[in-house]
C-alpha atoms as a PDB file:
ATOM      1  CA  MET A   1     -13.000 -13.403  -5.591  1.00  0.00           C
ATOM      2  CA  ARG A   2     -16.008 -12.140  -3.637  1.00  0.00           C
ATOM      3  CA  TYR A   3     -17.713  -9.158  -4.840  1.00  0.00           C
ATOM      4  CA  ALA A   4     -19.978  -6.523  -3.034  1.00  0.00           C
ATOM      5  CA  ASN A   5     -22.778  -6.728  -5.357  1.00  0.00           C
ATOM      6  CA  THR A   6     -23.321 -10.372  -4.571  1.00  0.00           C
ATOM      7  CA  ASP A   7     -22.180 -10.930  -0.808  1.00  0.00           C
ATOM      8  CA  PRO A   8     -24.018  -9.396   1.870  1.00  0.00           C
ATOM      9  CA  GLU A   9     -21.239  -9.949   4.388  1.00  0.00           C
ATOM     10  CA  LEU A  10     -18.691  -8.253   2.114  1.00  0.00           C
ATOM     11  CA  MET A  11     -21.527  -5.568   1.271  1.00  0.00           C
ATOM     12  CA  ASP A  12     -21.529  -4.630   5.036  1.00  0.00           C
ATOM     13  CA  LEU A  13     -17.820  -4.444   5.265  1.00  0.00           C
ATOM     14  CA  VAL A  14     -17.741  -2.104   2.343  1.00  0.00           C
ATOM     15  CA  ARG A  15     -20.234   0.314   4.026  1.00  0.00           C
ATOM     16  CA  ARG A  16     -18.422   0.325   7.168  1.00  0.00           C
ATOM     17  CA  PHE A  17     -14.770   0.693   6.028  1.00  0.00           C
ATOM     18  CA  VAL A  18     -14.174   1.185   2.318  1.00  0.00           C
ATOM     19  CA  ILE A  19     -16.629   4.014   1.324  1.00  0.00           C
ATOM     20  CA  PRO A  20     -16.914   6.161   4.234  1.00  0.00           C
ATOM     21  CA  GLY A  21     -15.646   9.608   3.187  1.00  0.00           C
ATOM     22  CA  ARG A  22     -14.789   8.109  -0.114  1.00  0.00           C
ATOM     23  CA  ARG A  23     -12.015   6.587   1.707  1.00  0.00           C
ATOM     24  CA  TYR A  24     -10.666   3.951  -0.968  1.00  0.00           C
ATOM     25  CA  LEU A  25     -10.391   6.907  -3.464  1.00  0.00           C
ATOM     26  CA  ARG A  26      -8.428   9.065  -0.864  1.00  0.00           C
ATOM     27  CA  LEU A  27      -5.963   6.522   0.107  1.00  0.00           C
ATOM     28  CA  GLY A  28      -2.572   6.439  -1.821  1.00  0.00           C
ATOM     29  CA  GLY A  29      -1.612   9.727  -3.593  1.00  0.00           C
ATOM     30  CA  SER A  30      -4.645  11.409  -3.174  1.00  0.00           C
ATOM     31  CA  SER A  31      -3.951  11.543   0.661  1.00  0.00           C
ATOM     32  CA  LEU A  32      -1.149  13.770   0.013  1.00  0.00           C
ATOM     33  CA  ARG A  33      -3.111  16.444  -1.285  1.00  0.00           C
ATOM     34  CA  LEU A  34      -5.503  16.713   1.787  1.00  0.00           C
ATOM     35  CA  SER A  35      -4.746  19.417   4.202  1.00  0.00           C
ATOM     36  CA  GLY A  36      -6.378  21.175   7.311  1.00  0.00           C
ATOM     37  CA  PRO A  37      -9.297  20.048   9.382  1.00  0.00           C
ATOM     38  CA  GLU A  38     -10.300  17.488   6.338  1.00  0.00           C
ATOM     39  CA  ARG A  39      -6.981  15.740   6.201  1.00  0.00           C
ATOM     40  CA  ASP A  40      -7.169  15.721  10.180  1.00  0.00           C
ATOM     41  CA  LEU A  41     -10.694  13.915  10.099  1.00  0.00           C
ATOM     42  CA  PHE A  42      -9.775  11.522   7.333  1.00  0.00           C
ATOM     43  CA  VAL A  43      -6.457  10.497   9.438  1.00  0.00           C
ATOM     44  CA  ARG A  44      -8.547  10.089  12.451  1.00  0.00           C
ATOM     45  CA  GLU A  45     -11.294   8.077  10.921  1.00  0.00           C
ATOM     46  CA  LEU A  46      -8.869   5.676   9.082  1.00  0.00           C
ATOM     47  CA  VAL A  47      -6.856   5.208  12.498  1.00  0.00           C
ATOM     48  CA  GLN A  48     -10.362   4.406  14.244  1.00  0.00           C
ATOM     49  CA  ALA A  49     -11.200   2.035  11.354  1.00  0.00           C
ATOM     50  CA  ALA A  50      -7.948   0.163  11.626  1.00  0.00           C
ATOM     51  CA  GLY A  51      -8.545  -0.488  15.317  1.00  0.00           C
ATOM     52  CA  GLU A  52     -11.944  -1.622  14.983  1.00  0.00           C
ATOM     53  CA  ILE A  53     -11.715  -4.193  11.807  1.00  0.00           C
ATOM     54  CA  THR A  54     -11.003  -7.601  12.818  1.00  0.00           C
ATOM     55  CA  PRO A  55      -8.508  -9.997  10.962  1.00  0.00           C
ATOM     56  CA  ALA A  56     -11.604 -12.104   9.820  1.00  0.00           C
ATOM     57  CA  GLU A  57     -12.987  -9.174   8.465  1.00  0.00           C
ATOM     58  CA  LEU A  58      -9.920  -7.929   6.704  1.00  0.00           C
ATOM     59  CA  ASP A  59      -9.659 -11.558   5.237  1.00  0.00           C
ATOM     60  CA  ILE A  60     -13.148 -10.988   3.663  1.00  0.00           C
ATOM     61  CA  LEU A  61     -12.074  -7.428   2.424  1.00  0.00           C
ATOM     62  CA  PHE A  62      -9.128  -9.248   0.872  1.00  0.00           C
ATOM     63  CA  GLU A  63     -11.303 -11.619  -1.099  1.00  0.00           C
ATOM     64  CA  GLY A  64     -13.069  -8.671  -2.650  1.00  0.00           C
ATOM     65  CA  GLY A  65     -12.239  -6.422  -5.644  1.00  0.00           C
ATOM     66  CA  TRP A  66      -9.478  -3.715  -5.723  1.00  0.00           C
ATOM     67  CA  ARG A  67     -11.338  -1.116  -3.576  1.00  0.00           C
ATOM     68  CA  GLU A  68     -11.566  -3.744  -0.928  1.00  0.00           C
ATOM     69  CA  ARG A  69      -8.209  -4.776  -1.166  1.00  0.00           C
ATOM     70  CA  LYS A  70      -6.632  -1.533  -1.221  1.00  0.00           C
ATOM     71  CA  THR A  71      -8.452  -0.151   1.712  1.00  0.00           C
ATOM     72  CA  ALA A  72      -7.789  -3.797   3.735  1.00  0.00           C
ATOM     73  CA  SER A  73      -3.977  -3.159   2.841  1.00  0.00           C
ATOM     74  CA  TRP A  74      -3.859   0.378   4.202  1.00  0.00           C
ATOM     75  CA  LEU A  75      -5.590  -0.724   7.437  1.00  0.00           C
ATOM     76  CA  VAL A  76      -3.191  -3.493   7.843  1.00  0.00           C
ATOM     77  CA  ALA A  77      -0.307  -0.983   7.514  1.00  0.00           C
ATOM     78  CA  VAL A  78      -2.052   1.694  10.007  1.00  0.00           C
ATOM     79  CA  ALA A  79      -2.424  -1.161  12.600  1.00  0.00           C
ATOM     80  CA  GLY A  80       0.828  -2.689  11.673  1.00  0.00           C
ATOM     81  CA  ARG A  81      -0.612  -6.043  11.288  1.00  0.00           C
ATOM     82  CA  THR A  82       2.480  -8.086  10.245  1.00  0.00           C
ATOM     83  CA  GLU A  83       0.649 -11.211  10.435  1.00  0.00           C
ATOM     84  CA  PHE A  84      -0.691 -10.310   6.983  1.00  0.00           C
ATOM     85  CA  ARG A  85       2.771  -9.885   5.300  1.00  0.00           C
ATOM     86  CA  SER A  86       2.392 -13.144   3.306  1.00  0.00           C
ATOM     87  CA  ARG A  87      -1.026 -12.385   2.134  1.00  0.00           C
ATOM     88  CA  ILE A  88       0.153  -9.042   0.978  1.00  0.00           C
ATOM     89  CA  GLY A  89       3.167 -10.329  -1.029  1.00  0.00           C
ATOM     90  CA  GLU A  90       0.803 -12.887  -2.556  1.00  0.00           C
ATOM     91  CA  LEU A  91      -1.543 -10.339  -3.528  1.00  0.00           C
ATOM     92  CA  LEU A  92       1.109  -8.063  -4.870  1.00  0.00           C
ATOM     93  CA  LEU A  93       2.724 -10.825  -7.061  1.00  0.00           C
ATOM     94  CA  ALA A  94      -0.877 -11.869  -8.470  1.00  0.00           C
ATOM     95  CA  SER A  95      -2.169  -8.184  -8.944  1.00  0.00           C
ATOM     96  CA  GLY A  96      -2.157  -8.522 -12.655  1.00  0.00           C
ATOM     97  CA  GLY A  97      -2.729  -4.692 -12.887  1.00  0.00           C
ATOM     98  CA  PRO A  98      -1.656  -1.257 -11.710  1.00  0.00           C
ATOM     99  CA  TYR A  99      -3.213  -2.088  -8.482  1.00  0.00           C
ATOM    100  CA  GLY A 100      -0.311  -3.043  -6.369  1.00  0.00           C
ATOM    101  CA  GLY A 101       0.707   0.287  -4.850  1.00  0.00           C
ATOM    102  CA  ALA A 102      -1.370  -0.051  -1.628  1.00  0.00           C
ATOM    103  CA  TYR A 103       0.711  -3.435  -1.083  1.00  0.00           C
ATOM    104  CA  CYS A 104       4.132  -2.094  -1.789  1.00  0.00           C
ATOM    105  CA  ILE A 105       3.224   0.652   0.926  1.00  0.00           C
ATOM    106  CA  THR A 106       2.258  -1.721   3.394  1.00  0.00           C
ATOM    107  CA  LEU A 107       5.280  -3.768   2.995  1.00  0.00           C
ATOM    108  CA  ALA A 108       7.506  -0.495   3.097  1.00  0.00           C
ATOM    109  CA  THR A 109       5.924   0.207   6.481  1.00  0.00           C
ATOM    110  CA  PHE A 110       6.627  -3.009   7.944  1.00  0.00           C
ATOM    111  CA  GLY A 111      10.310  -2.397   6.833  1.00  0.00           C
ATOM    112  CA  THR A 112      12.208  -5.347   7.267  1.00  0.00           C
ATOM    113  CA  SER A 113      14.424  -7.542   4.821  1.00  0.00           C
ATOM    114  CA  ALA A 114      11.240 -10.217   4.436  1.00  0.00           C
ATOM    115  CA  ASP A 115       9.346  -7.476   2.989  1.00  0.00           C
ATOM    116  CA  ALA A 116      12.109  -6.354   0.803  1.00  0.00           C
ATOM    117  CA  ASP A 117      12.034 -10.244  -0.634  1.00  0.00           C
ATOM    118  CA  LEU A 118       8.603  -9.999  -1.545  1.00  0.00           C
ATOM    119  CA  VAL A 119       9.165  -6.645  -3.378  1.00  0.00           C
ATOM    120  CA  CYS A 120      11.979  -8.231  -5.133  1.00  0.00           C
ATOM    121  CA  ARG A 121       9.735 -11.306  -6.165  1.00  0.00           C
ATOM    122  CA  TYR A 122       7.387  -9.041  -7.603  1.00  0.00           C
ATOM    123  CA  LEU A 123      10.359  -7.164  -9.586  1.00  0.00           C
ATOM    124  CA  ASP A 124      11.868 -10.559 -10.949  1.00  0.00           C
ATOM    125  CA  ARG A 125       8.394 -11.728 -12.383  1.00  0.00           C
ATOM    126  CA  TYR A 126       6.990  -8.362 -13.875  1.00  0.00           C
ATOM    127  CA  LEU A 127      10.356  -6.739 -15.040  1.00  0.00           C
ATOM    128  CA  SER A 128      10.965  -9.731 -17.323  1.00  0.00           C
ATOM    129  CA  GLN A 129       7.641  -9.242 -18.887  1.00  0.00           C
ATOM    130  CA  PRO A 130       8.047  -5.944 -20.964  1.00  0.00           C
ATOM    131  CA  ASP A 131       4.506  -6.223 -22.458  1.00  0.00           C
ATOM    132  CA  LEU A 132       3.030  -5.594 -18.886  1.00  0.00           C
ATOM    133  CA  VAL A 133       3.134  -2.084 -17.450  1.00  0.00           C
ATOM    134  CA  TYR A 134       1.956  -2.552 -14.008  1.00  0.00           C
ATOM    135  CA  ASP A 135       3.374  -1.238 -10.646  1.00  0.00           C
ATOM    136  CA  GLN A 136       7.189  -1.886 -11.538  1.00  0.00           C
ATOM    137  CA  THR A 137       8.186   1.709 -11.018  1.00  0.00           C
ATOM    138  CA  PHE A 138       6.241   1.761  -7.814  1.00  0.00           C
ATOM    139  CA  ALA A 139       7.826  -1.471  -6.505  1.00  0.00           C
ATOM    140  CA  LEU A 140      11.335  -0.463  -7.612  1.00  0.00           C
ATOM    141  CA  SER A 141      10.901   2.818  -5.898  1.00  0.00           C
ATOM    142  CA  THR A 142       9.749   1.085  -2.803  1.00  0.00           C
ATOM    143  CA  LEU A 143      12.728  -1.331  -2.796  1.00  0.00           C
ATOM    144  CA  LEU A 144      14.838   2.237  -3.057  1.00  0.00           C
ATOM    145  CA  HIS A 145      12.993   3.179   0.130  1.00  0.00           C
ATOM    146  CA  LEU A 146      13.435  -0.062   1.941  1.00  0.00           C
ATOM    147  CA  ASP A 147      17.217  -0.060   1.053  1.00  0.00           C
ATOM    148  CA  ALA A 148      17.484   3.647   2.775  1.00  0.00           C
ATOM    149  CA  VAL A 149      15.772   2.181   5.698  1.00  0.00           C
ATOM    150  CA  LEU A 150      17.756  -0.944   6.121  1.00  0.00           C
ATOM    151  CA  GLY A 151      20.911   0.210   4.640  1.00  0.00           C
ATOM    152  CA  THR A 152      21.062  -2.260   1.938  1.00  0.00           C
ATOM    153  CA  GLU A 153      21.279  -2.079  -1.758  1.00  0.00           C
ATOM    154  CA  ARG A 154      18.757  -4.615  -3.036  1.00  0.00           C
ATOM    155  CA  ALA A 155      17.733  -2.270  -5.815  1.00  0.00           C
ATOM    156  CA  SER A 156      21.439  -1.923  -7.213  1.00  0.00           C
ATOM    157  CA  PRO A 157      21.137  -5.073  -9.344  1.00  0.00           C
ATOM    158  CA  TYR A 158      18.056  -4.166 -11.015  1.00  0.00           C
ATOM    159  CA  LEU A 159      19.150  -0.486 -11.960  1.00  0.00           C
ATOM    160  CA  ALA A 160      22.619  -1.697 -13.110  1.00  0.00           C
ATOM    161  CA  ALA A 161      23.488  -1.127 -16.715  1.00  0.00           C
ATOM    162  CA  GLY A 162      21.926  -4.041 -18.745  1.00  0.00           C
ATOM    163  CA  GLY A 163      19.932  -5.002 -15.645  1.00  0.00           C
ATOM    164  CA  LEU A 164      16.203  -5.690 -15.535  1.00  0.00           C
ATOM    165  CA  TRP A 165      15.051  -2.398 -15.186  1.00  0.00           C
ATOM    166  CA  GLN A 166      16.955  -1.200 -18.089  1.00  0.00           C
ATOM    167  CA  GLN A 167      15.713  -4.093 -20.252  1.00  0.00           C
ATOM    168  CA  TRP A 168      12.136  -3.194 -19.180  1.00  0.00           C
ATOM    169  CA  THR A 169      12.361   0.540 -19.829  1.00  0.00           C
ATOM    170  CA  ASP A 170      14.102  -0.212 -23.254  1.00  0.00           C
ATOM    171  CA  ALA A 171      11.107  -2.121 -24.082  1.00  0.00           C
ATOM    172  CA  THR A 172       8.360   0.698 -22.691  1.00  0.00           C
ATOM    173  CA  PRO A 173      10.188   3.852 -23.054  1.00  0.00           C
ATOM    174  CA  ASN A 174       7.305   6.046 -22.936  1.00  0.00           C
ATOM    175  CA  LYS A 175       5.617   4.333 -20.174  1.00  0.00           C
ATOM    176  CA  VAL A 176       7.802   4.738 -17.132  1.00  0.00           C
ATOM    177  CA  ARG A 177       9.121   7.152 -14.502  1.00  0.00           C
ATOM    178  CA  ASP A 178      12.502   7.505 -12.823  1.00  0.00           C
ATOM    179  CA  PRO A 179      12.360   5.414  -9.811  1.00  0.00           C
ATOM    180  CA  GLN A 180      14.778   7.592  -7.911  1.00  0.00           C
ATOM    181  CA  GLU A 181      12.413  10.397  -8.424  1.00  0.00           C
ATOM    182  CA  TYR A 182       9.336   8.470  -7.800  1.00  0.00           C
ATOM    183  CA  ARG A 183      10.815   7.198  -4.588  1.00  0.00           C
ATOM    184  CA  GLN A 184      10.047  10.659  -3.113  1.00  0.00           C
ATOM    185  CA  VAL A 185       6.192   9.630  -3.356  1.00  0.00           C
ATOM    186  CA  VAL A 186       6.859   6.591  -1.660  1.00  0.00           C
ATOM    187  CA  ASP A 187       8.705   8.137   1.171  1.00  0.00           C
ATOM    188  CA  GLN A 188       5.833  10.661   1.425  1.00  0.00           C
ATOM    189  CA  LEU A 189       3.323   7.847   1.384  1.00  0.00           C
ATOM    190  CA  CYS A 190       5.210   5.978   4.121  1.00  0.00           C
ATOM    191  CA  SER A 191       5.536   8.973   6.143  1.00  0.00           C
ATOM    192  CA  PHE A 192       1.600   9.656   6.043  1.00  0.00           C
ATOM    193  CA  ALA A 193       1.251   5.813   6.914  1.00  0.00           C
ATOM    194  CA  GLY A 194       3.718   6.347   9.786  1.00  0.00           C
ATOM    195  CA  GLU A 195       1.904   9.453  11.047  1.00  0.00           C
ATOM    196  CA  CYS A 196      -1.319   7.292  11.218  1.00  0.00           C
ATOM    197  CA  ALA A 197       0.281   4.411  12.831  1.00  0.00           C
ATOM    198  CA  GLU A 198       1.483   6.668  15.691  1.00  0.00           C
ATOM    199  CA  LEU A 199      -1.941   8.096  16.150  1.00  0.00           C
ATOM    200  CA  PHE A 200      -3.266   4.435  16.108  1.00  0.00           C
ATOM    201  CA  ALA A 201      -0.853   3.618  18.973  1.00  0.00           C
ATOM    202  CA  ARG A 202      -1.895   6.531  21.022  1.00  0.00           C
ATOM    203  CA  MET A 203      -5.539   5.820  20.352  1.00  0.00           C
ATOM    204  CA  GLY A 204      -4.819   2.053  21.470  1.00  0.00           C
ATOM    205  CA  SER A 205      -3.957   3.803  24.945  1.00  0.00           C
ATOM    206  CA  GLY A 206      -7.243   5.769  24.869  1.00  0.00           C
ATOM    207  CA  ALA A 207      -5.314   8.965  24.377  1.00  0.00           C
ATOM    208  CA  THR A 208      -7.345   9.831  21.556  1.00  0.00           C
ATOM    209  CA  SER A 209     -10.834   9.669  19.860  1.00  0.00           C
ATOM    210  CA  VAL A 210     -12.150  11.032  16.589  1.00  0.00           C
ATOM    211  CA  GLN A 211     -13.833  14.164  16.766  1.00  0.00           C
ATOM    212  CA  ARG A 212     -16.334  15.039  13.980  1.00  0.00           C
ATOM    213  CA  PRO A 213     -16.825  18.593  12.716  1.00  0.00           C
ATOM    214  CA  LEU A 214     -20.387  20.100  14.128  1.00  0.00           C
END
């Protein structure tokens, strides 16, 4: 991995894309608590960043730490850069900690069966390891979201009696949330990402520009 404190090129990208407006902290659940002009400015600046960053620069951010990868994943989602699907899937599978939510949201915004396949790969690996409490709930909630979008039932085998979800939750009874309930959060984050993607499309036609408050 490359780290911002030792890599001048990555440091420059962090200054441009990761830390402005505390972006890396606000992406995810915190974005749902923004409102009014603060929210509008955050959305517009996020969309503008998604349009400015190049694929090569995204590759560099994906080689950084969790803050850089989280930000890069959201920028990919906003811009609909599906060419990064495999990279996102690899990062999710190798996330090794509770940092996979951004990858799940990006795959959910892509919204295809290929994205569901990548989420299932994560669940197959990590639901079989009850000693690890990472993003299993988030991933299963994402799969439920994708099922609703695609008209599929990929989550059903995991949720069936005696299935991997029950096996994992039986071993971690005090550390999980109901994926059906948590899916509401995933739906809201996908809605937020979709709003940003719509603005991104309009900005691409020159219809909108970022307006900073005086």
